[in-house]
Amino acid sequence: MKASEIKEMTVKEIEEKIEVERAQMVQLELNHVVSPLENPMKIRKARRNIARLMTILSQKQVNA
């Protein structure tokens, strides 16, 4: 997910997306512990997406 896509979202949508991404990341991590993932880079991408969402969310909250 690109930053430009996130900036177009509302604060509520961003908060919901963060929750969804966190749940997916937890599931990926648990699956990786049980048996190695075919592509472990998915965990890194999920973590970075969450960070990107949180950064833009905080920027929007400061500007509001």
PDB file of N, CA and C in Angstrom:
ATOM      1  N   MET A   1       0.841  -1.172   0.000  1.00  0.00           N
ATOM      2  CA  MET A   1       0.000   0.000   0.000  1.00  0.00           C
ATOM      3  C   MET A   1       0.890   1.240   0.000  1.00  0.00           C
ATOM      4  N   LYS A   2       0.647   2.118  -0.925  1.00  0.00           N
ATOM      5  CA  LYS A   2       1.471   3.312  -1.064  1.00  0.00           C
ATOM      6  C   LYS A   2       0.968   4.416  -0.148  1.00  0.00           C
ATOM      7  N   ALA A   3       1.877   5.326   0.189  1.00  0.00           N
ATOM      8  CA  ALA A   3       1.546   6.439   1.068  1.00  0.00           C
ATOM      9  C   ALA A   3       0.469   7.320   0.445  1.00  0.00           C
ATOM     10  N   SER A   4       0.506   7.491  -0.863  1.00  0.00           N
ATOM     11  CA  SER A   4      -0.500   8.329  -1.523  1.00  0.00           C
ATOM     12  C   SER A   4      -1.894   7.726  -1.372  1.00  0.00           C
ATOM     13  N   GLU A   5      -1.998   6.410  -1.390  1.00  0.00           N
ATOM     14  CA  GLU A   5      -3.288   5.744  -1.200  1.00  0.00           C
ATOM     15  C   GLU A   5      -3.793   5.947   0.227  1.00  0.00           C
ATOM     16  N   ILE A   6      -2.871   5.891   1.173  1.00  0.00           N
ATOM     17  CA  ILE A   6      -3.244   6.033   2.579  1.00  0.00           C
ATOM     18  C   ILE A   6      -3.692   7.460   2.874  1.00  0.00           C
ATOM     19  N   LYS A   7      -3.028   8.428   2.282  1.00  0.00           N
ATOM     20  CA  LYS A   7      -3.357   9.831   2.534  1.00  0.00           C
ATOM     21  C   LYS A   7      -4.771  10.178   2.073  1.00  0.00           C
ATOM     22  N   GLU A   8      -5.301   9.450   1.125  1.00  0.00           N
ATOM     23  CA  GLU A   8      -6.656   9.689   0.632  1.00  0.00           C
ATOM     24  C   GLU A   8      -7.715   9.119   1.577  1.00  0.00           C
ATOM     25  N   MET A   9      -7.315   8.234   2.491  1.00  0.00           N
ATOM     26  CA  MET A   9      -8.248   7.593   3.413  1.00  0.00           C
ATOM     27  C   MET A   9      -8.575   8.528   4.579  1.00  0.00           C
ATOM     28  N   THR A  10      -9.728   8.276   5.204  1.00  0.00           N
ATOM     29  CA  THR A  10     -10.090   9.045   6.390  1.00  0.00           C
ATOM     30  C   THR A  10      -9.391   8.442   7.607  1.00  0.00           C
ATOM     31  N   VAL A  11      -9.426   9.168   8.710  1.00  0.00           N
ATOM     32  CA  VAL A  11      -8.785   8.700   9.943  1.00  0.00           C
ATOM     33  C   VAL A  11      -9.413   7.382  10.397  1.00  0.00           C
ATOM     34  N   LYS A  12     -10.724   7.301  10.331  1.00  0.00           N
ATOM     35  CA  LYS A  12     -11.434   6.081  10.742  1.00  0.00           C
ATOM     36  C   LYS A  12     -11.024   4.890   9.872  1.00  0.00           C
ATOM     37  N   GLU A  13     -10.927   5.099   8.567  1.00  0.00           N
ATOM     38  CA  GLU A  13     -10.528   4.017   7.657  1.00  0.00           C
ATOM     39  C   GLU A  13      -9.108   3.558   7.957  1.00  0.00           C
ATOM     40  N   ILE A  14      -8.227   4.505   8.267  1.00  0.00           N
ATOM     41  CA  ILE A  14      -6.836   4.153   8.568  1.00  0.00           C
ATOM     42  C   ILE A  14      -6.769   3.322   9.849  1.00  0.00           C
ATOM     43  N   GLU A  15      -7.532   3.723  10.862  1.00  0.00           N
ATOM     44  CA  GLU A  15      -7.543   2.969  12.120  1.00  0.00           C
ATOM     45  C   GLU A  15      -8.044   1.544  11.897  1.00  0.00           C
ATOM     46  N   GLU A  16      -9.071   1.383  11.083  1.00  0.00           N
ATOM     47  CA  GLU A  16      -9.594   0.052  10.784  1.00  0.00           C
ATOM     48  C   GLU A  16      -8.568  -0.776  10.018  1.00  0.00           C
ATOM     49  N   LYS A  17      -7.883  -0.152   9.081  1.00  0.00           N
ATOM     50  CA  LYS A  17      -6.873  -0.847   8.281  1.00  0.00           C
ATOM     51  C   LYS A  17      -5.707  -1.303   9.167  1.00  0.00           C
ATOM     52  N   ILE A  18      -5.337  -0.484  10.145  1.00  0.00           N
ATOM     53  CA  ILE A  18      -4.259  -0.859  11.065  1.00  0.00           C
ATOM     54  C   ILE A  18      -4.644  -2.120  11.830  1.00  0.00           C
ATOM     55  N   GLU A  19      -5.874  -2.176  12.310  1.00  0.00           N
ATOM     56  CA  GLU A  19      -6.327  -3.352  13.054  1.00  0.00           C
ATOM     57  C   GLU A  19      -6.305  -4.605  12.184  1.00  0.00           C
ATOM     58  N   VAL A  20      -6.753  -4.467  10.940  1.00  0.00           N
ATOM     59  CA  VAL A  20      -6.762  -5.603  10.018  1.00  0.00           C
ATOM     60  C   VAL A  20      -5.336  -6.072   9.737  1.00  0.00           C
ATOM     61  N   GLU A  21      -4.447  -5.137   9.469  1.00  0.00           N
ATOM     62  CA  GLU A  21      -3.052  -5.470   9.173  1.00  0.00           C
ATOM     63  C   GLU A  21      -2.379  -6.140  10.371  1.00  0.00           C
ATOM     64  N   ARG A  22      -2.657  -5.646  11.572  1.00  0.00           N
ATOM     65  CA  ARG A  22      -2.065  -6.253  12.770  1.00  0.00           C
ATOM     66  C   ARG A  22      -2.529  -7.686  12.942  1.00  0.00           C
ATOM     67  N   ALA A  23      -3.812  -7.931  12.721  1.00  0.00           N
ATOM     68  CA  ALA A  23      -4.341  -9.290  12.843  1.00  0.00           C
ATOM     69  C   ALA A  23      -3.687 -10.219  11.817  1.00  0.00           C
ATOM     70  N   GLN A  24      -3.514  -9.722  10.605  1.00  0.00           N
ATOM     71  CA  GLN A  24      -2.869 -10.535   9.568  1.00  0.00           C
ATOM     72  C   GLN A  24      -1.408 -10.809   9.913  1.00  0.00           C
ATOM     73  N   MET A  25      -0.719  -9.810  10.471  1.00  0.00           N
ATOM     74  CA  MET A  25       0.685 -10.000  10.822  1.00  0.00           C
ATOM     75  C   MET A  25       0.835 -11.028  11.942  1.00  0.00           C
ATOM     76  N   VAL A  26      -0.046 -10.965  12.934  1.00  0.00           N
ATOM     77  CA  VAL A  26      -0.002 -11.938  14.026  1.00  0.00           C
ATOM     78  C   VAL A  26      -0.219 -13.343  13.472  1.00  0.00           C
ATOM     79  N   GLN A  27      -1.169 -13.466  12.571  1.00  0.00           N
ATOM     80  CA  GLN A  27      -1.441 -14.778  11.970  1.00  0.00           C
ATOM     81  C   GLN A  27      -0.233 -15.277  11.175  1.00  0.00           C
ATOM     82  N   LEU A  28       0.405 -14.383  10.424  1.00  0.00           N
ATOM     83  CA  LEU A  28       1.599 -14.766   9.667  1.00  0.00           C
ATOM     84  C   LEU A  28       2.713 -15.225  10.598  1.00  0.00           C
ATOM     85  N   GLU A  29       2.917 -14.491  11.696  1.00  0.00           N
ATOM     86  CA  GLU A  29       3.973 -14.846  12.643  1.00  0.00           C
ATOM     87  C   GLU A  29       3.706 -16.200  13.286  1.00  0.00           C
ATOM     88  N   LEU A  30       2.445 -16.452  13.655  1.00  0.00           N
ATOM     89  CA  LEU A  30       2.113 -17.746  14.249  1.00  0.00           C
ATOM     90  C   LEU A  30       2.325 -18.883  13.251  1.00  0.00           C
ATOM     91  N   ASN A  31       1.914 -18.667  12.030  1.00  0.00           N
ATOM     92  CA  ASN A  31       2.120 -19.689  10.996  1.00  0.00           C
ATOM     93  C   ASN A  31       3.603 -19.923  10.754  1.00  0.00           C
ATOM     94  N   HIS A  32       4.390 -18.881  10.841  1.00  0.00           N
ATOM     95  CA  HIS A  32       5.828 -18.997  10.612  1.00  0.00           C
ATOM     96  C   HIS A  32       6.506 -19.779  11.736  1.00  0.00           C
ATOM     97  N   VAL A  33       5.999 -19.648  12.946  1.00  0.00           N
ATOM     98  CA  VAL A  33       6.565 -20.386  14.077  1.00  0.00           C
ATOM     99  C   VAL A  33       6.278 -21.873  13.930  1.00  0.00           C
ATOM    100  N   VAL A  34       5.062 -22.202  13.511  1.00  0.00           N
ATOM    101  CA  VAL A  34       4.665 -23.602  13.378  1.00  0.00           C
ATOM    102  C   VAL A  34       5.409 -24.269  12.234  1.00  0.00           C
ATOM    103  N   SER A  35       5.351 -23.669  11.078  1.00  0.00           N
ATOM    104  CA  SER A  35       6.098 -24.188   9.931  1.00  0.00           C
ATOM    105  C   SER A  35       6.545 -22.985   9.107  1.00  0.00           C
ATOM    106  N   PRO A  36       7.784 -22.981   8.675  1.00  0.00           N
ATOM    107  CA  PRO A  36       8.321 -21.812   7.963  1.00  0.00           C
ATOM    108  C   PRO A  36       7.460 -21.407   6.759  1.00  0.00           C
ATOM    109  N   LEU A  37       7.260 -20.111   6.643  1.00  0.00           N
ATOM    110  CA  LEU A  37       6.498 -19.592   5.509  1.00  0.00           C
ATOM    111  C   LEU A  37       7.294 -19.739   4.224  1.00  0.00           C
ATOM    112  N   GLU A  38       6.583 -19.862   3.129  1.00  0.00           N
ATOM    113  CA  GLU A  38       7.247 -19.943   1.832  1.00  0.00           C
ATOM    114  C   GLU A  38       7.945 -18.612   1.525  1.00  0.00           C
ATOM    115  N   ASN A  39       7.304 -17.510   1.920  1.00  0.00           N
ATOM    116  CA  ASN A  39       7.873 -16.190   1.691  1.00  0.00           C
ATOM    117  C   ASN A  39       7.842 -15.393   3.000  1.00  0.00           C
ATOM    118  N   PRO A  40       8.889 -15.479   3.830  1.00  0.00           N
ATOM    119  CA  PRO A  40       8.902 -14.775   5.111  1.00  0.00           C
ATOM    120  C   PRO A  40       8.958 -13.260   4.984  1.00  0.00           C
ATOM    121  N   MET A  41       9.177 -12.745   3.784  1.00  0.00           N
ATOM    122  CA  MET A  41       9.202 -11.296   3.572  1.00  0.00           C
ATOM    123  C   MET A  41       7.806 -10.688   3.755  1.00  0.00           C
ATOM    124  N   LYS A  42       6.771 -11.523   3.747  1.00  0.00           N
ATOM    125  CA  LYS A  42       5.410 -11.037   3.968  1.00  0.00           C
ATOM    126  C   LYS A  42       5.294 -10.420   5.358  1.00  0.00           C
ATOM    127  N   ILE A  43       6.006 -10.978   6.333  1.00  0.00           N
ATOM    128  CA  ILE A  43       5.973 -10.441   7.690  1.00  0.00           C
ATOM    129  C   ILE A  43       6.573  -9.041   7.701  1.00  0.00           C
ATOM    130  N   ARG A  44       7.679  -8.858   7.031  1.00  0.00           N
ATOM    131  CA  ARG A  44       8.326  -7.551   6.966  1.00  0.00           C
ATOM    132  C   ARG A  44       7.436  -6.530   6.262  1.00  0.00           C
ATOM    133  N   LYS A  45       6.802  -6.958   5.160  1.00  0.00           N
ATOM    134  CA  LYS A  45       5.917  -6.043   4.431  1.00  0.00           C
ATOM    135  C   LYS A  45       4.734  -5.624   5.299  1.00  0.00           C
ATOM    136  N   ALA A  46       4.183  -6.570   6.058  1.00  0.00           N
ATOM    137  CA  ALA A  46       3.053  -6.253   6.932  1.00  0.00           C
ATOM    138  C   ALA A  46       3.476  -5.263   8.015  1.00  0.00           C
ATOM    139  N   ARG A  47       4.639  -5.489   8.602  1.00  0.00           N
ATOM    140  CA  ARG A  47       5.140  -4.596   9.652  1.00  0.00           C
ATOM    141  C   ARG A  47       5.377  -3.194   9.110  1.00  0.00           C
ATOM    142  N   ARG A  48       5.912  -3.102   7.929  1.00  0.00           N
ATOM    143  CA  ARG A  48       6.169  -1.796   7.318  1.00  0.00           C
ATOM    144  C   ARG A  48       4.877  -1.094   6.923  1.00  0.00           C
ATOM    145  N   ASN A  49       3.887  -1.853   6.459  1.00  0.00           N
ATOM    146  CA  ASN A  49       2.588  -1.255   6.133  1.00  0.00           C
ATOM    147  C   ASN A  49       1.939  -0.669   7.382  1.00  0.00           C
ATOM    148  N   ILE A  50       2.041  -1.388   8.492  1.00  0.00           N
ATOM    149  CA  ILE A  50       1.482  -0.890   9.744  1.00  0.00           C
ATOM    150  C   ILE A  50       2.188   0.395  10.159  1.00  0.00           C
ATOM    151  N   ALA A  51       3.498   0.419  10.055  1.00  0.00           N
ATOM    152  CA  ALA A  51       4.260   1.621  10.410  1.00  0.00           C
ATOM    153  C   ALA A  51       3.873   2.787   9.506  1.00  0.00           C
ATOM    154  N   ARG A  52       3.711   2.521   8.231  1.00  0.00           N
ATOM    155  CA  ARG A  52       3.330   3.562   7.275  1.00  0.00           C
ATOM    156  C   ARG A  52       1.939   4.116   7.610  1.00  0.00           C
ATOM    157  N   LEU A  53       1.012   3.220   7.930  1.00  0.00           N
ATOM    158  CA  LEU A  53      -0.338   3.635   8.304  1.00  0.00           C
ATOM    159  C   LEU A  53      -0.315   4.481   9.571  1.00  0.00           C
ATOM    160  N   MET A  54       0.448   4.051  10.559  1.00  0.00           N
ATOM    161  CA  MET A  54       0.502   4.772  11.825  1.00  0.00           C
ATOM    162  C   MET A  54       1.152   6.145  11.663  1.00  0.00           C
ATOM    163  N   THR A  55       2.149   6.234  10.816  1.00  0.00           N
ATOM    164  CA  THR A  55       2.810   7.518  10.579  1.00  0.00           C
ATOM    165  C   THR A  55       1.846   8.514   9.961  1.00  0.00           C
ATOM    166  N   ILE A  56       1.138   8.093   8.939  1.00  0.00           N
ATOM    167  CA  ILE A  56       0.209   9.003   8.275  1.00  0.00           C
ATOM    168  C   ILE A  56      -0.964   9.338   9.187  1.00  0.00           C
ATOM    169  N   LEU A  57      -1.392   8.371  10.000  1.00  0.00           N
ATOM    170  CA  LEU A  57      -2.459   8.625  10.959  1.00  0.00           C
ATOM    171  C   LEU A  57      -2.043   9.710  11.950  1.00  0.00           C
ATOM    172  N   SER A  58      -0.835   9.621  12.469  1.00  0.00           N
ATOM    173  CA  SER A  58      -0.380  10.638  13.420  1.00  0.00           C
ATOM    174  C   SER A  58      -0.237  11.996  12.750  1.00  0.00           C
ATOM    175  N   GLN A  59       0.191  12.029  11.493  1.00  0.00           N
ATOM    176  CA  GLN A  59       0.290  13.296  10.765  1.00  0.00           C
ATOM    177  C   GLN A  59      -1.084  13.932  10.604  1.00  0.00           C
ATOM    178  N   LYS A  60      -2.085  13.115  10.281  1.00  0.00           N
ATOM    179  CA  LYS A  60      -3.441  13.631  10.103  1.00  0.00           C
ATOM    180  C   LYS A  60      -4.007  14.147  11.426  1.00  0.00           C
ATOM    181  N   GLN A  61      -3.694  13.458  12.522  1.00  0.00           N
ATOM    182  CA  GLN A  61      -4.214  13.871  13.816  1.00  0.00           C
ATOM    183  C   GLN A  61      -3.567  15.170  14.274  1.00  0.00           C
ATOM    184  N   VAL A  62      -2.303  15.369  13.982  1.00  0.00           N
ATOM    185  CA  VAL A  62      -1.625  16.607  14.346  1.00  0.00           C
ATOM    186  C   VAL A  62      -2.179  17.767  13.530  1.00  0.00           C
ATOM    187  N   ASN A  63      -2.432  17.544  12.266  1.00  0.00           N
ATOM    188  CA  ASN A  63      -2.933  18.599  11.388  1.00  0.00           C
ATOM    189  C   ASN A  63      -4.387  18.955  11.658  1.00  0.00           C
ATOM    190  N   ALA A  64      -5.122  18.043  12.267  1.00  0.00           N
ATOM    191  CA  ALA A  64      -6.565  18.292  12.499  1.00  0.00           C
ATOM    192  C   ALA A  64      -6.814  19.205  13.679  1.00  0.00           C
TER     193      ALA A  64
END
